[in-house]
């Protein structure tokens, strides 16, 4: 269980991290599960080429889920795209159009903090 930590020599609790770290950003990470490495790499490249994401990482995973009333377990590739909230509708449209799944996973998570140099690079990359 997360209990807190230390930032710049000051202790903090998990519920105080946003206040301690400062402003929220409009940067998000987007998780997209793909059924094959080829699909994942093609989608990752397309998102970066179209400047919908500054960076897309891919990792093999094993997913267990319910599909059409049955419990399934599948090997998948998870993509983590770094982008801005303004790009989410376009990312959703691209994924829905090019993804092999009937119901693709498209989950956006807010970024609570980002270092200034990375934020500048991300914004410049997808501008």
N, C-alpha and C. Protein backbone atom coordinates (compact mmCIF):
# COMPACT_ATOMS: atom_id res chain seq x y z
N UNK A 1 0.83 -1.18 0.00
CA UNK A 1 0.00 0.00 0.00
C UNK A 1 0.88 1.24 0.00
N UNK A 2 0.51 2.23 -0.81
CA UNK A 2 1.26 3.48 -0.86
C UNK A 2 1.01 4.29 0.40
N UNK A 3 2.06 4.68 1.05
CA UNK A 3 1.89 5.43 2.29
C UNK A 3 2.51 6.82 2.24
N UNK A 4 3.23 7.14 1.21
CA UNK A 4 3.84 8.46 1.13
C UNK A 4 5.31 8.37 0.85
N UNK A 5 6.01 9.45 1.03
CA UNK A 5 7.43 9.47 0.74
C UNK A 5 8.03 10.80 1.11
N UNK A 6 9.07 11.18 0.37
CA UNK A 6 9.76 12.41 0.67
C UNK A 6 10.09 13.11 -0.63
N UNK A 7 9.84 14.42 -0.69
CA UNK A 7 10.19 15.26 -1.83
C UNK A 7 10.96 16.45 -1.30
N UNK A 8 12.17 16.65 -1.83
CA UNK A 8 12.99 17.79 -1.40
C UNK A 8 13.13 17.86 0.12
N UNK A 9 13.29 16.70 0.74
CA UNK A 9 13.48 16.66 2.18
C UNK A 9 12.23 16.82 3.01
N UNK A 10 11.07 16.96 2.34
CA UNK A 10 9.82 17.12 3.08
C UNK A 10 8.96 15.87 2.91
N UNK A 11 8.41 15.40 3.99
CA UNK A 11 7.53 14.24 3.92
C UNK A 11 6.19 14.62 3.30
N UNK A 12 5.53 13.64 2.69
CA UNK A 12 4.21 13.87 2.12
C UNK A 12 3.42 12.59 2.12
N UNK A 13 2.12 12.73 2.10
CA UNK A 13 1.21 11.59 2.00
C UNK A 13 0.67 11.57 0.59
N UNK A 14 0.22 10.42 0.16
CA UNK A 14 -0.29 10.25 -1.19
C UNK A 14 -1.39 11.23 -1.55
N UNK A 15 -2.28 11.57 -0.62
CA UNK A 15 -3.38 12.48 -0.93
C UNK A 15 -2.92 13.93 -1.04
N UNK A 16 -1.68 14.22 -0.71
CA UNK A 16 -1.16 15.58 -0.76
C UNK A 16 -0.21 15.78 -1.94
N UNK A 17 0.02 14.78 -2.75
CA UNK A 17 1.05 14.86 -3.77
C UNK A 17 0.76 15.94 -4.81
N UNK A 18 -0.49 16.15 -5.21
CA UNK A 18 -0.80 17.17 -6.20
C UNK A 18 -0.47 18.55 -5.66
N UNK A 19 -0.82 18.80 -4.42
CA UNK A 19 -0.54 20.09 -3.81
C UNK A 19 0.96 20.30 -3.70
N UNK A 20 1.70 19.30 -3.28
CA UNK A 20 3.14 19.41 -3.10
C UNK A 20 3.86 19.61 -4.42
N UNK A 21 3.41 18.95 -5.49
CA UNK A 21 4.14 19.00 -6.75
C UNK A 21 3.75 20.19 -7.61
N UNK A 22 2.66 20.85 -7.32
CA UNK A 22 2.30 22.02 -8.09
C UNK A 22 1.16 21.78 -9.05
N UNK A 23 1.15 22.54 -10.14
CA UNK A 23 0.04 22.54 -11.08
C UNK A 23 -0.15 21.22 -11.80
N UNK A 24 -1.41 20.96 -12.14
CA UNK A 24 -1.72 19.81 -13.00
C UNK A 24 -1.38 20.20 -14.43
N UNK A 25 -1.07 19.23 -15.24
CA UNK A 25 -0.79 19.50 -16.65
C UNK A 25 -1.91 18.93 -17.51
N UNK A 26 -1.88 19.26 -18.79
CA UNK A 26 -2.80 18.66 -19.75
C UNK A 26 -2.14 17.48 -20.46
N UNK A 27 -1.03 17.02 -19.91
CA UNK A 27 -0.33 15.86 -20.45
C UNK A 27 -0.98 14.60 -19.90
N UNK A 28 -1.17 13.62 -20.77
CA UNK A 28 -1.74 12.34 -20.37
C UNK A 28 -0.92 11.21 -20.98
N UNK A 29 -1.01 10.05 -20.34
CA UNK A 29 -0.53 8.82 -20.97
C UNK A 29 -1.76 8.04 -21.39
N UNK A 30 -1.67 7.41 -22.54
CA UNK A 30 -2.79 6.66 -23.08
C UNK A 30 -2.36 5.20 -23.24
N UNK A 31 -3.12 4.30 -22.63
CA UNK A 31 -2.86 2.87 -22.75
C UNK A 31 -3.74 2.29 -23.84
N UNK A 32 -3.11 1.52 -24.73
CA UNK A 32 -3.83 0.87 -25.83
C UNK A 32 -3.30 -0.56 -25.91
N UNK A 33 -4.17 -1.54 -25.69
CA UNK A 33 -3.76 -2.95 -25.78
C UNK A 33 -3.95 -3.42 -27.22
N UNK A 34 -2.94 -4.10 -27.75
CA UNK A 34 -2.98 -4.60 -29.13
C UNK A 34 -2.81 -6.12 -29.14
N UNK A 35 -3.38 -6.74 -30.15
CA UNK A 35 -3.36 -8.19 -30.25
C UNK A 35 -2.09 -8.80 -30.81
N UNK A 36 -1.24 -7.98 -31.42
CA UNK A 36 0.02 -8.50 -31.98
C UNK A 36 1.08 -7.42 -31.96
N UNK A 37 2.33 -7.85 -32.05
CA UNK A 37 3.44 -6.90 -32.10
C UNK A 37 3.36 -6.06 -33.38
N UNK A 38 3.00 -6.68 -34.48
CA UNK A 38 2.91 -5.94 -35.75
C UNK A 38 1.87 -4.84 -35.67
N UNK A 39 0.70 -5.15 -35.10
CA UNK A 39 -0.34 -4.15 -34.94
C UNK A 39 0.13 -3.03 -34.02
N UNK A 40 0.76 -3.39 -32.92
CA UNK A 40 1.24 -2.40 -31.95
C UNK A 40 2.27 -1.47 -32.57
N UNK A 41 3.24 -2.04 -33.28
CA UNK A 41 4.29 -1.21 -33.87
C UNK A 41 3.74 -0.30 -34.97
N UNK A 42 2.82 -0.80 -35.77
CA UNK A 42 2.21 0.03 -36.82
C UNK A 42 1.42 1.18 -36.20
N UNK A 43 0.65 0.89 -35.16
CA UNK A 43 -0.15 1.92 -34.51
C UNK A 43 0.75 2.94 -33.81
N UNK A 44 1.78 2.47 -33.13
CA UNK A 44 2.72 3.37 -32.45
C UNK A 44 3.37 4.32 -33.45
N UNK A 45 3.85 3.76 -34.54
CA UNK A 45 4.50 4.59 -35.56
C UNK A 45 3.54 5.62 -36.14
N UNK A 46 2.30 5.20 -36.42
CA UNK A 46 1.30 6.10 -36.99
C UNK A 46 1.00 7.25 -36.03
N UNK A 47 0.84 6.94 -34.75
CA UNK A 47 0.54 7.98 -33.76
C UNK A 47 1.67 9.01 -33.68
N UNK A 48 2.91 8.55 -33.76
CA UNK A 48 4.05 9.47 -33.70
C UNK A 48 4.18 10.24 -35.02
N UNK A 49 4.05 9.55 -36.15
CA UNK A 49 4.15 10.22 -37.45
C UNK A 49 3.10 11.31 -37.61
N UNK A 50 1.90 11.07 -37.11
CA UNK A 50 0.81 12.04 -37.22
C UNK A 50 0.85 13.10 -36.12
N UNK A 51 1.88 13.04 -35.28
CA UNK A 51 2.06 13.97 -34.16
C UNK A 51 0.89 13.95 -33.18
N UNK A 52 0.30 12.78 -33.04
CA UNK A 52 -0.74 12.59 -32.04
C UNK A 52 -0.13 12.21 -30.70
N UNK A 53 1.08 11.68 -30.73
CA UNK A 53 1.82 11.33 -29.52
C UNK A 53 3.29 11.67 -29.75
N UNK A 54 3.95 12.11 -28.70
CA UNK A 54 5.37 12.43 -28.79
C UNK A 54 6.22 11.17 -28.71
N UNK A 55 5.74 10.19 -27.97
CA UNK A 55 6.47 8.95 -27.74
C UNK A 55 5.45 7.86 -27.46
N UNK A 56 5.71 6.66 -27.96
CA UNK A 56 4.86 5.52 -27.66
C UNK A 56 5.76 4.35 -27.28
N UNK A 57 5.59 3.85 -26.09
CA UNK A 57 6.34 2.68 -25.62
C UNK A 57 5.47 1.45 -25.78
N UNK A 58 6.11 0.29 -25.98
CA UNK A 58 5.36 -0.96 -26.10
C UNK A 58 6.00 -2.02 -25.21
N UNK A 59 5.12 -2.83 -24.59
CA UNK A 59 5.55 -3.88 -23.68
C UNK A 59 4.64 -5.09 -23.84
N UNK A 60 5.20 -6.29 -23.84
CA UNK A 60 4.34 -7.49 -23.85
C UNK A 60 3.67 -7.66 -22.49
N UNK A 61 2.40 -8.05 -22.52
CA UNK A 61 1.63 -8.27 -21.29
C UNK A 61 0.77 -9.52 -21.46
N UNK A 62 0.23 -9.98 -20.36
CA UNK A 62 -0.79 -11.03 -20.37
C UNK A 62 -2.03 -10.43 -19.74
N UNK A 63 -3.16 -10.50 -20.46
CA UNK A 63 -4.41 -9.91 -19.98
C UNK A 63 -5.45 -10.99 -19.73
N UNK A 64 -6.14 -10.88 -18.61
CA UNK A 64 -7.27 -11.76 -18.30
C UNK A 64 -8.50 -10.88 -18.19
N UNK A 65 -9.56 -11.25 -18.91
CA UNK A 65 -10.73 -10.40 -19.04
C UNK A 65 -11.95 -11.24 -19.41
N UNK A 66 -13.12 -10.65 -19.33
CA UNK A 66 -14.35 -11.31 -19.76
C UNK A 66 -14.69 -10.79 -21.15
N UNK A 67 -14.91 -11.70 -22.09
CA UNK A 67 -15.33 -11.33 -23.43
C UNK A 67 -16.45 -12.26 -23.86
N UNK A 68 -17.57 -11.68 -24.19
CA UNK A 68 -18.76 -12.42 -24.62
C UNK A 68 -19.13 -13.53 -23.63
N UNK A 69 -19.06 -13.17 -22.33
CA UNK A 69 -19.48 -14.06 -21.26
C UNK A 69 -18.46 -15.10 -20.83
N UNK A 70 -17.31 -15.14 -21.47
CA UNK A 70 -16.27 -16.12 -21.14
C UNK A 70 -15.03 -15.42 -20.60
N UNK A 71 -14.35 -16.08 -19.66
CA UNK A 71 -13.08 -15.56 -19.16
C UNK A 71 -11.99 -15.97 -20.14
N UNK A 72 -11.26 -14.98 -20.60
CA UNK A 72 -10.18 -15.18 -21.57
C UNK A 72 -8.86 -14.72 -20.98
N UNK A 73 -7.78 -15.31 -21.45
CA UNK A 73 -6.43 -14.84 -21.15
C UNK A 73 -5.68 -14.78 -22.47
N UNK A 74 -5.07 -13.63 -22.75
CA UNK A 74 -4.39 -13.44 -24.03
C UNK A 74 -3.06 -12.73 -23.83
N UNK A 75 -2.11 -13.08 -24.69
CA UNK A 75 -0.87 -12.32 -24.77
C UNK A 75 -1.18 -11.09 -25.62
N UNK A 76 -0.79 -9.94 -25.13
CA UNK A 76 -1.03 -8.69 -25.85
C UNK A 76 0.22 -7.82 -25.77
N UNK A 77 0.19 -6.77 -26.54
CA UNK A 77 1.21 -5.72 -26.45
C UNK A 77 0.49 -4.47 -25.97
N UNK A 78 0.98 -3.89 -24.88
CA UNK A 78 0.38 -2.65 -24.38
C UNK A 78 1.21 -1.47 -24.87
N UNK A 79 0.53 -0.50 -25.44
CA UNK A 79 1.17 0.75 -25.84
C UNK A 79 0.90 1.80 -24.78
N UNK A 80 1.90 2.62 -24.49
CA UNK A 80 1.74 3.77 -23.62
C UNK A 80 2.17 4.98 -24.41
N UNK A 81 1.20 5.80 -24.79
CA UNK A 81 1.46 6.99 -25.59
C UNK A 81 1.48 8.22 -24.69
N UNK A 82 2.44 9.10 -24.92
CA UNK A 82 2.52 10.37 -24.18
C UNK A 82 1.98 11.46 -25.09
N UNK A 83 0.97 12.19 -24.61
CA UNK A 83 0.30 13.16 -25.46
C UNK A 83 -0.38 14.23 -24.62
N UNK A 84 -1.22 15.03 -25.27
CA UNK A 84 -2.00 16.07 -24.61
C UNK A 84 -3.47 15.72 -24.68
N UNK A 85 -4.24 16.20 -23.71
CA UNK A 85 -5.67 15.88 -23.69
C UNK A 85 -6.36 16.32 -24.99
N UNK A 86 -5.91 17.39 -25.60
CA UNK A 86 -6.52 17.87 -26.84
C UNK A 86 -6.40 16.86 -27.98
N UNK A 87 -5.43 15.94 -27.89
CA UNK A 87 -5.22 14.94 -28.95
C UNK A 87 -6.07 13.67 -28.75
N UNK A 88 -6.75 13.55 -27.60
CA UNK A 88 -7.48 12.31 -27.29
C UNK A 88 -8.57 11.97 -28.30
N UNK A 89 -9.40 12.90 -28.75
CA UNK A 89 -10.42 12.52 -29.74
C UNK A 89 -9.80 11.97 -31.04
N UNK A 90 -8.71 12.56 -31.49
CA UNK A 90 -8.05 12.08 -32.71
C UNK A 90 -7.43 10.70 -32.49
N UNK A 91 -6.83 10.50 -31.32
CA UNK A 91 -6.26 9.18 -31.01
C UNK A 91 -7.36 8.13 -30.99
N UNK A 92 -8.48 8.45 -30.35
CA UNK A 92 -9.60 7.51 -30.32
C UNK A 92 -10.06 7.16 -31.73
N UNK A 93 -10.18 8.14 -32.59
CA UNK A 93 -10.63 7.89 -33.96
C UNK A 93 -9.65 7.00 -34.72
N UNK A 94 -8.36 7.26 -34.58
CA UNK A 94 -7.34 6.46 -35.25
C UNK A 94 -7.37 5.02 -34.75
N UNK A 95 -7.43 4.85 -33.44
CA UNK A 95 -7.43 3.50 -32.87
C UNK A 95 -8.67 2.74 -33.34
N UNK A 96 -9.83 3.36 -33.26
CA UNK A 96 -11.06 2.68 -33.68
C UNK A 96 -11.01 2.28 -35.16
N UNK A 97 -10.40 3.12 -35.98
CA UNK A 97 -10.34 2.84 -37.41
C UNK A 97 -9.34 1.74 -37.76
N UNK A 98 -8.20 1.70 -37.07
CA UNK A 98 -7.11 0.81 -37.46
C UNK A 98 -6.92 -0.41 -36.57
N UNK A 99 -7.65 -0.51 -35.47
CA UNK A 99 -7.43 -1.58 -34.49
C UNK A 99 -8.20 -2.83 -34.87
N UNK A 100 -7.64 -3.98 -34.56
CA UNK A 100 -8.28 -5.26 -34.90
C UNK A 100 -9.38 -5.65 -33.90
N UNK A 101 -9.38 -5.06 -32.71
CA UNK A 101 -10.37 -5.43 -31.70
C UNK A 101 -11.70 -4.72 -31.97
N UNK A 102 -12.77 -5.42 -31.68
CA UNK A 102 -14.10 -4.83 -31.77
C UNK A 102 -14.27 -3.71 -30.74
N UNK A 103 -13.71 -3.92 -29.55
CA UNK A 103 -13.76 -2.92 -28.48
C UNK A 103 -12.33 -2.69 -27.98
N UNK A 104 -11.58 -1.81 -28.64
CA UNK A 104 -10.19 -1.60 -28.21
C UNK A 104 -10.10 -0.84 -26.90
N UNK A 105 -9.08 -1.17 -26.13
CA UNK A 105 -8.78 -0.46 -24.89
C UNK A 105 -8.12 0.86 -25.24
N UNK A 106 -8.72 1.95 -24.81
CA UNK A 106 -8.14 3.29 -24.95
C UNK A 106 -8.38 3.99 -23.62
N UNK A 107 -7.38 4.00 -22.76
CA UNK A 107 -7.51 4.57 -21.42
C UNK A 107 -6.50 5.70 -21.25
N UNK A 108 -6.97 6.88 -20.89
CA UNK A 108 -6.08 8.02 -20.65
C UNK A 108 -5.94 8.26 -19.16
N UNK A 109 -4.70 8.44 -18.73
CA UNK A 109 -4.41 8.73 -17.33
C UNK A 109 -3.73 10.08 -17.24
N UNK A 110 -4.16 10.95 -16.33
CA UNK A 110 -3.51 12.26 -16.21
C UNK A 110 -2.10 12.12 -15.64
N UNK A 111 -1.23 13.00 -16.07
CA UNK A 111 0.12 13.08 -15.54
C UNK A 111 0.12 14.16 -14.47
N UNK A 112 0.47 13.79 -13.25
CA UNK A 112 0.45 14.73 -12.14
C UNK A 112 1.63 15.68 -12.15
N UNK A 113 2.74 15.23 -12.70
CA UNK A 113 3.94 16.05 -12.71
C UNK A 113 4.82 15.61 -13.86
N UNK A 114 5.52 16.55 -14.45
CA UNK A 114 6.48 16.25 -15.51
C UNK A 114 7.62 17.26 -15.39
N UNK A 115 8.85 16.80 -15.65
CA UNK A 115 9.94 17.76 -15.57
C UNK A 115 9.86 18.73 -16.75
N UNK A 116 10.33 19.93 -16.55
CA UNK A 116 10.15 21.03 -17.51
C UNK A 116 10.75 20.70 -18.88
N UNK A 117 11.92 20.11 -18.91
CA UNK A 117 12.56 19.81 -20.20
C UNK A 117 11.76 18.78 -21.00
N UNK A 118 11.25 17.74 -20.32
CA UNK A 118 10.45 16.73 -21.02
C UNK A 118 9.15 17.33 -21.50
N UNK A 119 8.53 18.16 -20.69
CA UNK A 119 7.28 18.80 -21.09
C UNK A 119 7.49 19.66 -22.33
N UNK A 120 8.57 20.44 -22.35
CA UNK A 120 8.86 21.28 -23.51
C UNK A 120 9.10 20.43 -24.75
N UNK A 121 9.86 19.33 -24.60
CA UNK A 121 10.11 18.43 -25.73
C UNK A 121 8.80 17.84 -26.24
N UNK A 122 7.94 17.36 -25.33
CA UNK A 122 6.68 16.75 -25.73
C UNK A 122 5.83 17.75 -26.51
N UNK A 123 5.67 18.94 -25.96
CA UNK A 123 4.84 19.95 -26.62
C UNK A 123 5.41 20.34 -27.98
N UNK A 124 6.71 20.50 -28.07
CA UNK A 124 7.35 20.86 -29.33
C UNK A 124 7.20 19.74 -30.36
N UNK A 125 7.31 18.51 -29.90
CA UNK A 125 7.25 17.35 -30.80
C UNK A 125 5.89 17.18 -31.44
N UNK A 126 4.82 17.44 -30.70
CA UNK A 126 3.47 17.22 -31.27
C UNK A 126 2.78 18.52 -31.68
N UNK A 127 3.54 19.63 -31.67
CA UNK A 127 2.94 20.93 -32.08
C UNK A 127 2.59 20.92 -33.56
